[in-house]
Amino acid sequence: MNTLNIEMIHQQLTDLNFIAEKIRFVTVNAMPQDKLEKCTTKAGESFYNSYMNVIYKHGERYVLGYVCQDPLLDQAILKIGDQYFDPTMQANENFQPYQFAVLTEFTIFDMMKHAKKNKDFPPDVDFLISQKKHFKNIINI
């Protein structure tokens, strides 16, 4: 994974029509193995996996954003307490902690409400853009 400096990340976010200075960055760490074993971790399915993991209470929040690599990679991860985890990547790749640009975090109720609007698919970046009037704090309108 090619990492980017903050200026490069901001430029890519701006190019994607996001308000880069309002995007928060977090570190995604390895989940404890006993918790990872309970998670849905199908390769290449971060949105579905994170959605299901929040529904089955393996995560507290569904977090949508970008892996800070070149180019940015849209991804869904989990938040538990004040920590961030990516069970999909951890279970299917040689995992190393990485930086993540957080677009938004959903509680289980909000995640399911937005999925209903999104034809029962978990919210993704395209969904945010289609609903940009509700996310104008991070998307240029």
Protein backbone atom coordinates (compact mmCIF):
# COMPACT_ATOMS: atom_id res chain seq x y z
CA MET A 1 0.00 0.00 0.00
CA ASN A 2 1.44 3.36 -1.03
CA THR A 3 0.86 5.88 1.75
CA LEU A 4 0.19 9.55 1.15
CA ASN A 5 1.11 12.68 3.04
CA ILE A 6 -1.68 14.89 4.37
CA GLU A 7 -1.46 17.38 1.48
CA MET A 8 -1.85 14.58 -1.08
CA ILE A 9 -4.80 13.14 0.84
CA HIS A 10 -6.46 16.56 1.04
CA GLN A 11 -5.97 17.07 -2.70
CA GLN A 12 -7.52 13.72 -3.56
CA LEU A 13 -10.47 14.37 -1.22
CA THR A 14 -10.95 17.82 -2.80
CA ASP A 15 -10.81 16.25 -6.27
CA LEU A 16 -13.58 13.89 -5.15
CA ASN A 17 -15.67 16.97 -4.17
CA PHE A 18 -15.27 16.60 -0.40
CA ILE A 19 -14.43 19.44 1.99
CA ALA A 20 -11.01 18.06 2.92
CA GLU A 21 -10.37 20.29 5.94
CA LYS A 22 -13.54 18.93 7.59
CA ILE A 23 -12.51 15.29 7.22
CA ARG A 24 -11.18 13.61 10.37
CA PHE A 25 -8.33 11.09 10.26
CA VAL A 26 -8.03 8.05 12.53
CA THR A 27 -5.71 5.09 12.85
CA VAL A 28 -7.21 1.68 12.12
CA ASN A 29 -5.64 -0.98 14.33
CA ALA A 30 -5.79 -4.76 14.53
CA MET A 31 -8.85 -6.14 16.28
CA PRO A 32 -8.20 -8.68 19.04
CA GLN A 33 -8.22 -12.17 17.51
CA ASP A 34 -11.10 -13.44 19.67
CA LYS A 35 -13.32 -10.59 18.44
CA LEU A 36 -12.16 -10.96 14.82
CA GLU A 37 -13.19 -14.63 14.82
CA LYS A 38 -16.81 -13.61 15.52
CA CYS A 39 -16.91 -11.07 12.66
CA THR A 40 -18.15 -11.39 9.10
CA THR A 41 -14.99 -10.99 6.99
CA LYS A 42 -15.71 -11.99 3.36
CA ALA A 43 -12.85 -10.73 1.14
CA GLY A 44 -13.64 -7.62 -0.89
CA GLU A 45 -16.92 -6.94 0.93
CA SER A 46 -16.07 -4.25 3.51
CA PHE A 47 -19.45 -2.49 3.24
CA TYR A 48 -21.49 -5.67 3.68
CA ASN A 49 -19.15 -7.03 6.37
CA SER A 50 -19.18 -3.84 8.42
CA TYR A 51 -22.96 -3.57 8.05
CA MET A 52 -23.48 -7.14 9.27
CA ASN A 53 -20.94 -6.75 12.07
CA VAL A 54 -22.81 -3.73 13.45
CA ILE A 55 -26.16 -5.52 13.15
CA TYR A 56 -24.78 -8.50 15.09
CA LYS A 57 -23.16 -6.18 17.64
CA HIS A 58 -19.54 -6.95 16.75
CA GLY A 59 -19.08 -3.21 16.24
CA GLU A 60 -20.79 -0.13 17.66
CA ARG A 61 -20.69 2.08 14.57
CA TYR A 62 -20.49 1.65 10.82
CA VAL A 63 -17.77 4.03 9.64
CA LEU A 64 -17.57 5.16 6.03
CA GLY A 65 -14.54 6.78 4.45
CA TYR A 66 -11.27 6.21 2.66
CA VAL A 67 -8.14 4.19 3.29
CA CYS A 68 -5.33 6.75 2.95
CA GLN A 69 -3.40 5.05 0.18
CA ASP A 70 -2.65 6.07 -3.40
CA PRO A 71 -5.24 6.20 -4.81
CA LEU A 72 -7.71 6.58 -1.94
CA LEU A 73 -9.83 3.46 -1.41
CA ASP A 74 -13.45 3.78 -0.27
CA GLN A 75 -14.09 1.41 2.60
CA ALA A 76 -16.38 0.72 5.53
CA ILE A 77 -14.86 -0.14 8.92
CA LEU A 78 -16.05 -0.51 12.52
CA LYS A 79 -15.79 1.65 15.58
CA ILE A 80 -15.77 0.06 19.03
CA GLY A 81 -15.41 2.51 21.89
CA ASP A 82 -12.88 5.04 20.65
CA GLN A 83 -10.97 2.56 18.45
CA TYR A 84 -11.33 1.75 14.76
CA PHE A 85 -11.01 -1.71 13.18
CA ASP A 86 -11.16 -3.24 9.72
CA PRO A 87 -12.03 -6.92 10.12
CA THR A 88 -12.29 -7.38 6.34
CA MET A 89 -8.75 -6.23 5.65
CA GLN A 90 -7.35 -7.84 8.80
CA ALA A 91 -8.78 -11.28 7.96
CA ASN A 92 -7.86 -11.23 4.26
CA GLU A 93 -4.59 -9.34 3.88
CA ASN A 94 -1.24 -8.86 5.57
CA PHE A 95 -2.68 -6.29 7.98
CA GLN A 96 -0.73 -3.28 9.20
CA PRO A 97 -2.33 -0.34 11.05
CA TYR A 98 -3.25 2.42 8.62
CA GLN A 99 -4.71 5.92 8.39
CA PHE A 100 -8.38 6.31 7.49
CA ALA A 101 -10.25 9.45 6.41
CA VAL A 102 -13.65 9.34 8.16
CA LEU A 103 -16.53 10.75 6.12
CA THR A 104 -19.26 9.75 8.57
CA GLU A 105 -20.20 7.26 11.28
CA PHE A 106 -23.58 5.60 11.56
CA THR A 107 -25.31 4.10 14.58
CA ILE A 108 -27.16 0.87 13.89
CA PHE A 109 -30.47 2.74 13.58
CA ASP A 110 -29.11 5.32 11.11
CA MET A 111 -27.21 2.68 9.14
CA MET A 112 -30.35 0.59 8.68
CA LYS A 113 -32.48 3.65 7.86
CA HIS A 114 -30.01 4.69 5.13
CA ALA A 115 -29.78 1.11 3.82
CA LYS A 116 -33.55 1.13 3.36
CA LYS A 117 -33.22 4.29 1.22
CA ASN A 118 -30.36 2.59 -0.66
CA LYS A 119 -32.41 -0.44 -1.85
CA ASP A 120 -31.24 -2.50 1.15
CA PHE A 121 -27.55 -1.99 0.40
CA PRO A 122 -25.26 -0.66 3.13
CA PRO A 123 -24.50 3.05 2.76
CA ASP A 124 -21.41 3.68 0.64
CA VAL A 125 -19.68 6.76 -0.78
CA ASP A 126 -22.00 6.84 -3.82
CA PHE A 127 -24.98 6.86 -1.45
CA LEU A 128 -23.49 9.81 0.48
CA ILE A 129 -23.04 11.73 -2.76
CA SER A 130 -26.60 10.94 -3.86
CA GLN A 131 -27.79 12.28 -0.49
CA LYS A 132 -25.33 15.19 -0.38
CA LYS A 133 -27.89 17.68 0.94
CA HIS A 134 -27.82 15.63 4.18
CA PHE A 135 -24.01 15.50 4.25
CA LYS A 136 -23.22 19.08 3.20
CA ASN A 137 -20.85 19.43 6.15
CA ILE A 138 -18.35 17.25 4.22
CA ILE A 139 -19.48 17.39 0.55
CA ASN A 140 -19.24 20.45 -1.68
CA ILE A 141 -22.70 21.15 -3.08
